[in-house]
Amino acid sequence: MPSRLTPEDQQKVDQYLKLPQHQVERKPFRPWRLLWMTLAVVIVLGILSRLLSRLVL
């Protein structure tokens, strides 16, 4: 796909992206970890909800 930027603008973008603050190494995405954390939060909130309902009723 051809760039819609002028060569000067593309050069500015390339220089910006080469700055050290944009070169951060990221850990790999772990979907299973996200799933387990979400499940844990839902379970804890469900238990908390049941405990609060017993206190109110």
Protein backbone atom coordinates (compact mmCIF):
# COMPACT_ATOMS: atom_id res chain seq x y z
CA MET A 1 0.00 0.00 0.00
CA PRO A 2 1.61 3.26 -1.04
CA SER A 3 2.04 5.93 1.59
CA ARG A 4 -0.12 9.02 1.35
CA LEU A 5 2.53 11.09 3.09
CA THR A 6 5.01 13.27 1.35
CA PRO A 7 8.59 11.98 1.52
CA GLU A 8 9.46 14.74 4.01
CA ASP A 9 6.55 13.83 6.30
CA GLN A 10 7.40 10.13 6.05
CA GLN A 11 10.97 10.92 7.05
CA LYS A 12 9.71 12.84 10.11
CA VAL A 13 7.50 9.89 11.08
CA ASP A 14 10.40 7.47 10.70
CA GLN A 15 12.65 9.67 12.84
CA TYR A 16 9.95 9.93 15.49
CA LEU A 17 9.48 6.17 15.64
CA LYS A 18 13.25 5.60 15.96
CA LEU A 19 13.45 7.61 19.19
CA PRO A 20 14.46 5.52 22.25
CA GLN A 21 11.16 6.01 24.08
CA HIS A 22 9.36 4.27 21.20
CA GLN A 23 11.66 1.24 21.23
CA VAL A 24 10.34 -0.44 24.39
CA GLU A 25 10.55 -4.24 24.49
CA ARG A 26 7.20 -5.76 25.37
CA LYS A 27 6.44 -9.07 26.99
CA PRO A 28 4.48 -11.50 24.83
CA PHE A 29 0.71 -11.38 25.15
CA ARG A 30 -0.63 -14.24 27.27
CA PRO A 31 -4.32 -14.82 26.55
CA TRP A 32 -4.64 -17.70 29.05
CA ARG A 33 -3.31 -15.53 31.85
CA LEU A 34 -5.83 -12.82 30.98
CA LEU A 35 -8.62 -15.42 30.93
CA TRP A 36 -7.68 -16.78 34.37
CA MET A 37 -7.37 -13.31 35.87
CA THR A 38 -10.77 -12.32 34.48
CA LEU A 39 -12.32 -15.52 35.79
CA ALA A 40 -10.78 -14.95 39.24
CA VAL A 41 -12.15 -11.40 39.41
CA VAL A 42 -15.63 -12.57 38.39
CA ILE A 43 -15.59 -15.33 41.02
CA VAL A 44 -14.38 -13.00 43.77
CA LEU A 45 -17.00 -10.39 42.91
CA GLY A 46 -19.69 -13.08 42.82
CA ILE A 47 -18.70 -14.33 46.27
CA LEU A 48 -18.61 -10.77 47.59
CA SER A 49 -22.05 -10.14 46.12
CA ARG A 50 -23.50 -13.23 47.84
CA LEU A 51 -21.94 -12.23 51.17
CA LEU A 52 -23.37 -8.73 50.93
CA SER A 53 -26.81 -10.03 50.00
CA ARG A 54 -26.85 -12.23 53.13
CA LEU A 55 -25.97 -9.23 55.28
CA VAL A 56 -28.76 -7.12 53.80
CA LEU A 57 -31.46 -9.77 53.79
